[in-house]
Amino acid sequence: MIGSMTPHRPTLIADTAIALIAERGLRGLTHRAVDEAAGLPAGSTSNLARTRAALLDLALSRIVERETEGSPVTAGEPPDGAEARVLLVRGGADLLHRALTVGRTLTLARLELALEATRRPELRTGYDRLGARFTGLATALLARCGSVDPAGDARRLIRWCDGVLFNSTAGSGHDRAPTVDELRDEVDRYLAVLLDLD
């Protein structure tokens, strides 16, 4: 069972599904496996998410919720100018660092779901819809930073972030996650390329 306190049942089921995806891959994710790992009566998961597609969507929605909770980047109205740039550097680096350390399970599960989305159109739709939240947020922050092409710069920044996450989780850099200071330096350098050459 995940955690010492029992969360709300849908949250428990979603978190257990995420943990199973990260540990066993998508082949290890079944309704029965979630029930057993969560310590729930048989049929509890299928009552909440009747199909495999619904269970995958539940897990994906919970990943996005957990990845963004408590982040200054996702909270409130963003500042302008230099303050927006500082927020993007610090907040972006902190989100990446968290995803590579305490949130590594979420990152592994998200990578598994991203690959599965290439084969399941219904999951692709949900993955793209939830991913659009990050793109929209990055676009708004980059506009506040003075980007002349905030939507294009947001796509470029997110591609870079995805590369960092893959490299440090499953790629050649998997054995050493970058420190938060290294990530802040890298985000700052990348933003300089995007913004200072506009």
C-alpha atoms as a PDB file:
ATOM      1  CA  MET A   1       0.000   0.000   0.000  1.00  0.00           C
ATOM      2  CA  ILE A   2       1.341   3.440  -0.919  1.00  0.00           C
ATOM      3  CA  GLY A   3       1.897   5.841   1.980  1.00  0.00           C
ATOM      4  CA  SER A   4       1.137   5.485   5.661  1.00  0.00           C
ATOM      5  CA  MET A   5      -2.155   7.387   5.496  1.00  0.00           C
ATOM      6  CA  THR A   6      -4.885   6.209   3.176  1.00  0.00           C
ATOM      7  CA  PRO A   7      -5.702   8.924   0.626  1.00  0.00           C
ATOM      8  CA  HIS A   8      -9.009   9.314  -1.168  1.00  0.00           C
ATOM      9  CA  ARG A   9      -9.659   6.089  -3.127  1.00  0.00           C
ATOM     10  CA  PRO A  10      -9.344   7.558  -6.675  1.00  0.00           C
ATOM     11  CA  THR A  11      -6.060   9.194  -5.666  1.00  0.00           C
ATOM     12  CA  LEU A  12      -4.820   5.941  -4.115  1.00  0.00           C
ATOM     13  CA  ILE A  13      -5.718   4.005  -7.267  1.00  0.00           C
ATOM     14  CA  ALA A  14      -4.056   6.565  -9.549  1.00  0.00           C
ATOM     15  CA  ASP A  15      -0.881   6.726  -7.425  1.00  0.00           C
ATOM     16  CA  THR A  16      -0.703   2.934  -7.250  1.00  0.00           C
ATOM     17  CA  ALA A  17      -1.117   2.671 -11.026  1.00  0.00           C
ATOM     18  CA  ILE A  18       1.739   5.160 -11.490  1.00  0.00           C
ATOM     19  CA  ALA A  19       3.998   3.189  -9.154  1.00  0.00           C
ATOM     20  CA  LEU A  20       3.214  -0.051 -10.996  1.00  0.00           C
ATOM     21  CA  ILE A  21       3.887   1.503 -14.408  1.00  0.00           C
ATOM     22  CA  ALA A  22       7.247   2.819 -13.189  1.00  0.00           C
ATOM     23  CA  GLU A  23       8.202  -0.480 -11.550  1.00  0.00           C
ATOM     24  CA  ARG A  24       6.856  -3.051 -14.029  1.00  0.00           C
ATOM     25  CA  GLY A  25       6.111  -1.165 -17.235  1.00  0.00           C
ATOM     26  CA  LEU A  26       2.702  -1.092 -18.847  1.00  0.00           C
ATOM     27  CA  ARG A  27       2.562  -4.879 -19.142  1.00  0.00           C
ATOM     28  CA  GLY A  28       2.501  -5.072 -15.364  1.00  0.00           C
ATOM     29  CA  LEU A  29      -0.459  -2.709 -15.060  1.00  0.00           C
ATOM     30  CA  THR A  30      -3.767  -4.501 -14.589  1.00  0.00           C
ATOM     31  CA  HIS A  31      -6.870  -3.647 -12.603  1.00  0.00           C
ATOM     32  CA  ARG A  32      -6.203  -6.634 -10.352  1.00  0.00           C
ATOM     33  CA  ALA A  33      -2.562  -5.619  -9.810  1.00  0.00           C
ATOM     34  CA  VAL A  34      -3.654  -2.134  -8.718  1.00  0.00           C
ATOM     35  CA  ASP A  35      -6.220  -3.574  -6.290  1.00  0.00           C
ATOM     36  CA  GLU A  36      -3.617  -5.888  -4.766  1.00  0.00           C
ATOM     37  CA  ALA A  37      -0.830  -3.285  -4.535  1.00  0.00           C
ATOM     38  CA  ALA A  38      -3.199  -0.695  -3.044  1.00  0.00           C
ATOM     39  CA  GLY A  39      -4.681  -3.167  -0.554  1.00  0.00           C
ATOM     40  CA  LEU A  40      -8.185  -2.636  -1.938  1.00  0.00           C
ATOM     41  CA  PRO A  41     -11.002  -5.157  -2.367  1.00  0.00           C
ATOM     42  CA  ALA A  42     -11.064  -6.928  -5.724  1.00  0.00           C
ATOM     43  CA  GLY A  43     -12.953  -4.891  -8.320  1.00  0.00           C
ATOM     44  CA  SER A  44     -12.252  -1.496  -6.738  1.00  0.00           C
ATOM     45  CA  THR A  45     -10.085  -0.268  -9.624  1.00  0.00           C
ATOM     46  CA  SER A  46     -12.454  -1.537 -12.323  1.00  0.00           C
ATOM     47  CA  ASN A  47     -15.332   0.232 -10.582  1.00  0.00           C
ATOM     48  CA  LEU A  48     -13.453   3.534 -10.912  1.00  0.00           C
ATOM     49  CA  ALA A  49     -11.805   3.008 -14.308  1.00  0.00           C
ATOM     50  CA  ARG A  50     -13.709   0.350 -16.240  1.00  0.00           C
ATOM     51  CA  THR A  51     -11.327   0.065 -19.170  1.00  0.00           C
ATOM     52  CA  ARG A  52      -7.542  -0.036 -19.508  1.00  0.00           C
ATOM     53  CA  ALA A  53      -7.725   3.236 -21.447  1.00  0.00           C
ATOM     54  CA  ALA A  54      -9.589   4.869 -18.539  1.00  0.00           C
ATOM     55  CA  LEU A  55      -6.984   3.588 -16.084  1.00  0.00           C
ATOM     56  CA  LEU A  56      -4.142   4.960 -18.213  1.00  0.00           C
ATOM     57  CA  ASP A  57      -5.885   8.338 -18.495  1.00  0.00           C
ATOM     58  CA  LEU A  58      -6.406   8.405 -14.718  1.00  0.00           C
ATOM     59  CA  ALA A  59      -2.696   7.747 -14.151  1.00  0.00           C
ATOM     60  CA  LEU A  60      -1.659  10.392 -16.680  1.00  0.00           C
ATOM     61  CA  SER A  61      -3.927  13.050 -15.174  1.00  0.00           C
ATOM     62  CA  ARG A  62      -2.535  12.309 -11.724  1.00  0.00           C
ATOM     63  CA  ILE A  63       1.057  12.549 -12.988  1.00  0.00           C
ATOM     64  CA  VAL A  64       0.434  16.066 -14.282  1.00  0.00           C
ATOM     65  CA  GLU A  65      -1.318  17.030 -11.033  1.00  0.00           C
ATOM     66  CA  ARG A  66       1.573  15.770  -8.908  1.00  0.00           C
ATOM     67  CA  GLU A  67       4.268  17.238 -11.152  1.00  0.00           C
ATOM     68  CA  THR A  68       2.836  20.737 -10.898  1.00  0.00           C
ATOM     69  CA  GLU A  69       1.614  20.896  -7.284  1.00  0.00           C
ATOM     70  CA  GLY A  70       3.521  23.371  -5.158  1.00  0.00           C
ATOM     71  CA  SER A  71       5.512  24.851  -8.040  1.00  0.00           C
ATOM     72  CA  PRO A  72       5.929  28.642  -8.169  1.00  0.00           C
ATOM     73  CA  VAL A  73       5.943  28.366 -11.976  1.00  0.00           C
ATOM     74  CA  THR A  74       2.376  27.064 -12.010  1.00  0.00           C
ATOM     75  CA  ALA A  75       0.982  29.325  -9.278  1.00  0.00           C
ATOM     76  CA  GLY A  76      -0.719  32.683  -9.734  1.00  0.00           C
ATOM     77  CA  GLU A  77      -0.172  35.447 -12.228  1.00  0.00           C
ATOM     78  CA  PRO A  78       3.402  35.453 -13.590  1.00  0.00           C
ATOM     79  CA  PRO A  79       5.558  38.599 -13.202  1.00  0.00           C
ATOM     80  CA  ASP A  80       7.053  40.576 -16.088  1.00  0.00           C
ATOM     81  CA  GLY A  81      10.540  41.130 -17.474  1.00  0.00           C
ATOM     82  CA  ALA A  82      13.557  40.157 -15.405  1.00  0.00           C
ATOM     83  CA  GLU A  83      11.375  38.718 -12.624  1.00  0.00           C
ATOM     84  CA  ALA A  84       9.646  36.416 -15.104  1.00  0.00           C
ATOM     85  CA  ARG A  85      13.026  35.239 -16.366  1.00  0.00           C
ATOM     86  CA  VAL A  86      14.264  34.517 -12.830  1.00  0.00           C
ATOM     87  CA  LEU A  87      11.044  32.610 -12.124  1.00  0.00           C
ATOM     88  CA  LEU A  88      11.443  30.584 -15.306  1.00  0.00           C
ATOM     89  CA  VAL A  89      15.090  29.765 -14.555  1.00  0.00           C
ATOM     90  CA  ARG A  90      14.560  28.838 -10.919  1.00  0.00           C
ATOM     91  CA  GLY A  91      11.133  27.292 -11.261  1.00  0.00           C
ATOM     92  CA  GLY A  92      11.992  25.380 -14.417  1.00  0.00           C
ATOM     93  CA  ALA A  93      15.211  24.011 -12.937  1.00  0.00           C
ATOM     94  CA  ASP A  94      13.448  23.086  -9.705  1.00  0.00           C
ATOM     95  CA  LEU A  95      10.699  21.237 -11.615  1.00  0.00           C
ATOM     96  CA  LEU A  96      13.301  19.323 -13.620  1.00  0.00           C
ATOM     97  CA  HIS A  97      15.348  18.492 -10.536  1.00  0.00           C
ATOM     98  CA  ARG A  98      12.286  17.274  -8.684  1.00  0.00           C
ATOM     99  CA  ALA A  99      11.286  15.149 -11.692  1.00  0.00           C
ATOM    100  CA  LEU A 100      14.735  13.538 -11.702  1.00  0.00           C
ATOM    101  CA  THR A 101      14.970  12.902  -7.951  1.00  0.00           C
ATOM    102  CA  VAL A 102      11.933  12.649  -5.671  1.00  0.00           C
ATOM    103  CA  GLY A 103       9.620  12.536  -8.702  1.00  0.00           C
ATOM    104  CA  ARG A 104      11.593   9.923 -10.634  1.00  0.00           C
ATOM    105  CA  THR A 105       8.720   7.419 -10.395  1.00  0.00           C
ATOM    106  CA  LEU A 106       6.411   9.953 -12.057  1.00  0.00           C
ATOM    107  CA  THR A 107       8.959  10.607 -14.794  1.00  0.00           C
ATOM    108  CA  LEU A 108       9.452   6.908 -15.527  1.00  0.00           C
ATOM    109  CA  ALA A 109       5.694   6.383 -15.697  1.00  0.00           C
ATOM    110  CA  ARG A 110       5.249   9.419 -17.947  1.00  0.00           C
ATOM    111  CA  LEU A 111       7.926   8.146 -20.340  1.00  0.00           C
ATOM    112  CA  GLU A 112       6.195   4.752 -20.477  1.00  0.00           C
ATOM    113  CA  LEU A 113       2.867   6.461 -21.195  1.00  0.00           C
ATOM    114  CA  ALA A 114       4.436   8.678 -23.871  1.00  0.00           C
ATOM    115  CA  LEU A 115       5.660   5.600 -25.730  1.00  0.00           C
ATOM    116  CA  GLU A 116       2.298   3.886 -25.351  1.00  0.00           C
ATOM    117  CA  ALA A 117       0.577   7.013 -26.692  1.00  0.00           C
ATOM    118  CA  THR A 118       2.354   6.456 -30.022  1.00  0.00           C
ATOM    119  CA  ARG A 119       0.287   3.252 -30.365  1.00  0.00           C
ATOM    120  CA  ARG A 120      -3.004   4.286 -28.727  1.00  0.00           C
ATOM    121  CA  PRO A 121      -4.828   7.245 -30.304  1.00  0.00           C
ATOM    122  CA  GLU A 122      -7.105   7.674 -27.269  1.00  0.00           C
ATOM    123  CA  LEU A 123      -4.087   7.986 -24.968  1.00  0.00           C
ATOM    124  CA  ARG A 124      -2.349  10.314 -27.444  1.00  0.00           C
ATOM    125  CA  THR A 125      -5.310  12.683 -27.218  1.00  0.00           C
ATOM    126  CA  GLY A 126      -5.172  12.769 -23.415  1.00  0.00           C
ATOM    127  CA  TYR A 127      -1.380  13.033 -23.337  1.00  0.00           C
ATOM    128  CA  ASP A 128      -1.410  15.954 -25.771  1.00  0.00           C
ATOM    129  CA  ARG A 129      -4.255  17.693 -23.924  1.00  0.00           C
ATOM    130  CA  LEU A 130      -2.453  17.546 -20.605  1.00  0.00           C
ATOM    131  CA  GLY A 131       0.900  18.422 -22.177  1.00  0.00           C
ATOM    132  CA  ALA A 132      -0.680  21.530 -23.656  1.00  0.00           C
ATOM    133  CA  ARG A 133      -0.932  22.910 -20.104  1.00  0.00           C
ATOM    134  CA  PHE A 134       2.873  23.030 -19.894  1.00  0.00           C
ATOM    135  CA  THR A 135       3.150  24.542 -23.364  1.00  0.00           C
ATOM    136  CA  GLY A 136       0.603  27.235 -22.513  1.00  0.00           C
ATOM    137  CA  LEU A 137       2.352  28.063 -19.262  1.00  0.00           C
ATOM    138  CA  ALA A 138       5.780  28.244 -20.931  1.00  0.00           C
ATOM    139  CA  THR A 139       4.343  30.430 -23.700  1.00  0.00           C
ATOM    140  CA  ALA A 140       2.866  32.877 -21.182  1.00  0.00           C
ATOM    141  CA  LEU A 141       6.094  33.082 -19.170  1.00  0.00           C
ATOM    142  CA  LEU A 142       8.278  33.523 -22.253  1.00  0.00           C
ATOM    143  CA  ALA A 143       6.006  36.305 -23.476  1.00  0.00           C
ATOM    144  CA  ARG A 144       6.472  38.017 -20.103  1.00  0.00           C
ATOM    145  CA  CYS A 145      10.237  37.556 -20.522  1.00  0.00           C
ATOM    146  CA  GLY A 146      10.110  39.504 -23.795  1.00  0.00           C
ATOM    147  CA  SER A 147      10.230  36.684 -26.343  1.00  0.00           C
ATOM    148  CA  VAL A 148       9.276  37.818 -29.853  1.00  0.00           C
ATOM    149  CA  ASP A 149       8.064  34.252 -30.605  1.00  0.00           C
ATOM    150  CA  PRO A 150       6.752  32.917 -27.287  1.00  0.00           C
ATOM    151  CA  ALA A 151       4.870  29.941 -28.761  1.00  0.00           C
ATOM    152  CA  GLY A 152       7.879  28.846 -30.817  1.00  0.00           C
ATOM    153  CA  ASP A 153      10.275  29.420 -27.924  1.00  0.00           C
ATOM    154  CA  ALA A 154       7.962  27.431 -25.629  1.00  0.00           C
ATOM    155  CA  ARG A 155       8.059  24.463 -28.019  1.00  0.00           C
ATOM    156  CA  ARG A 156      11.858  24.682 -28.157  1.00  0.00           C
ATOM    157  CA  LEU A 157      12.176  24.945 -24.362  1.00  0.00           C
ATOM    158  CA  ILE A 158       9.884  21.972 -23.775  1.00  0.00           C
ATOM    159  CA  ARG A 159      11.800  19.858 -26.315  1.00  0.00           C
ATOM    160  CA  TRP A 160      14.975  20.677 -24.405  1.00  0.00           C
ATOM    161  CA  CYS A 161      13.337  19.803 -21.057  1.00  0.00           C
ATOM    162  CA  ASP A 162      12.061  16.498 -22.458  1.00  0.00           C
ATOM    163  CA  GLY A 163      15.592  15.735 -23.622  1.00  0.00           C
ATOM    164  CA  VAL A 164      17.011  16.423 -20.163  1.00  0.00           C
ATOM    165  CA  LEU A 165      14.366  14.201 -18.553  1.00  0.00           C
ATOM    166  CA  PHE A 166      14.966  11.313 -20.961  1.00  0.00           C
ATOM    167  CA  ASN A 167      18.754  11.583 -20.818  1.00  0.00           C
ATOM    168  CA  SER A 168      18.861  11.663 -17.036  1.00  0.00           C
ATOM    169  CA  THR A 169      16.224   8.978 -16.498  1.00  0.00           C
ATOM    170  CA  ALA A 170      16.677   6.401 -19.257  1.00  0.00           C
ATOM    171  CA  GLY A 171      19.472   7.699 -21.475  1.00  0.00           C
ATOM    172  CA  SER A 172      23.237   7.912 -21.187  1.00  0.00           C
ATOM    173  CA  GLY A 173      23.058  10.229 -18.160  1.00  0.00           C
ATOM    174  CA  HIS A 174      20.822   7.951 -16.083  1.00  0.00           C
ATOM    175  CA  ASP A 175      23.501   7.257 -13.469  1.00  0.00           C
ATOM    176  CA  ARG A 176      23.801  10.869 -12.308  1.00  0.00           C
ATOM    177  CA  ALA A 177      21.004  13.384 -12.066  1.00  0.00           C
ATOM    178  CA  PRO A 178      22.203  16.980 -12.534  1.00  0.00           C
ATOM    179  CA  THR A 179      22.138  19.138  -9.425  1.00  0.00           C
ATOM    180  CA  VAL A 180      19.626  21.948  -9.108  1.00  0.00           C
ATOM    181  CA  ASP A 181      22.449  24.482  -9.525  1.00  0.00           C
ATOM    182  CA  GLU A 182      23.614  22.791 -12.730  1.00  0.00           C
ATOM    183  CA  LEU A 183      20.070  22.832 -14.042  1.00  0.00           C
ATOM    184  CA  ARG A 184      19.609  26.511 -13.180  1.00  0.00           C
ATOM    185  CA  ASP A 185      22.802  27.319 -15.050  1.00  0.00           C
ATOM    186  CA  GLU A 186      21.679  25.267 -18.053  1.00  0.00           C
ATOM    187  CA  VAL A 187      18.175  26.769 -18.122  1.00  0.00           C
ATOM    188  CA  ASP A 188      19.714  30.252 -17.881  1.00  0.00           C
ATOM    189  CA  ARG A 189      22.057  29.500 -20.798  1.00  0.00           C
ATOM    190  CA  TYR A 190      19.240  28.057 -22.878  1.00  0.00           C
ATOM    191  CA  LEU A 191      17.022  31.067 -22.233  1.00  0.00           C
ATOM    192  CA  ALA A 192      19.884  33.333 -23.263  1.00  0.00           C
ATOM    193  CA  VAL A 193      19.969  31.574 -26.623  1.00  0.00           C
ATOM    194  CA  LEU A 194      16.194  31.883 -27.023  1.00  0.00           C
ATOM    195  CA  LEU A 195      15.738  35.426 -25.762  1.00  0.00           C
ATOM    196  CA  ASP A 196      18.931  37.385 -26.131  1.00  0.00           C
ATOM    197  CA  LEU A 197      19.338  36.617 -29.837  1.00  0.00           C
ATOM    198  CA  ASP A 198      15.740  37.626 -30.743  1.00  0.00           C
END
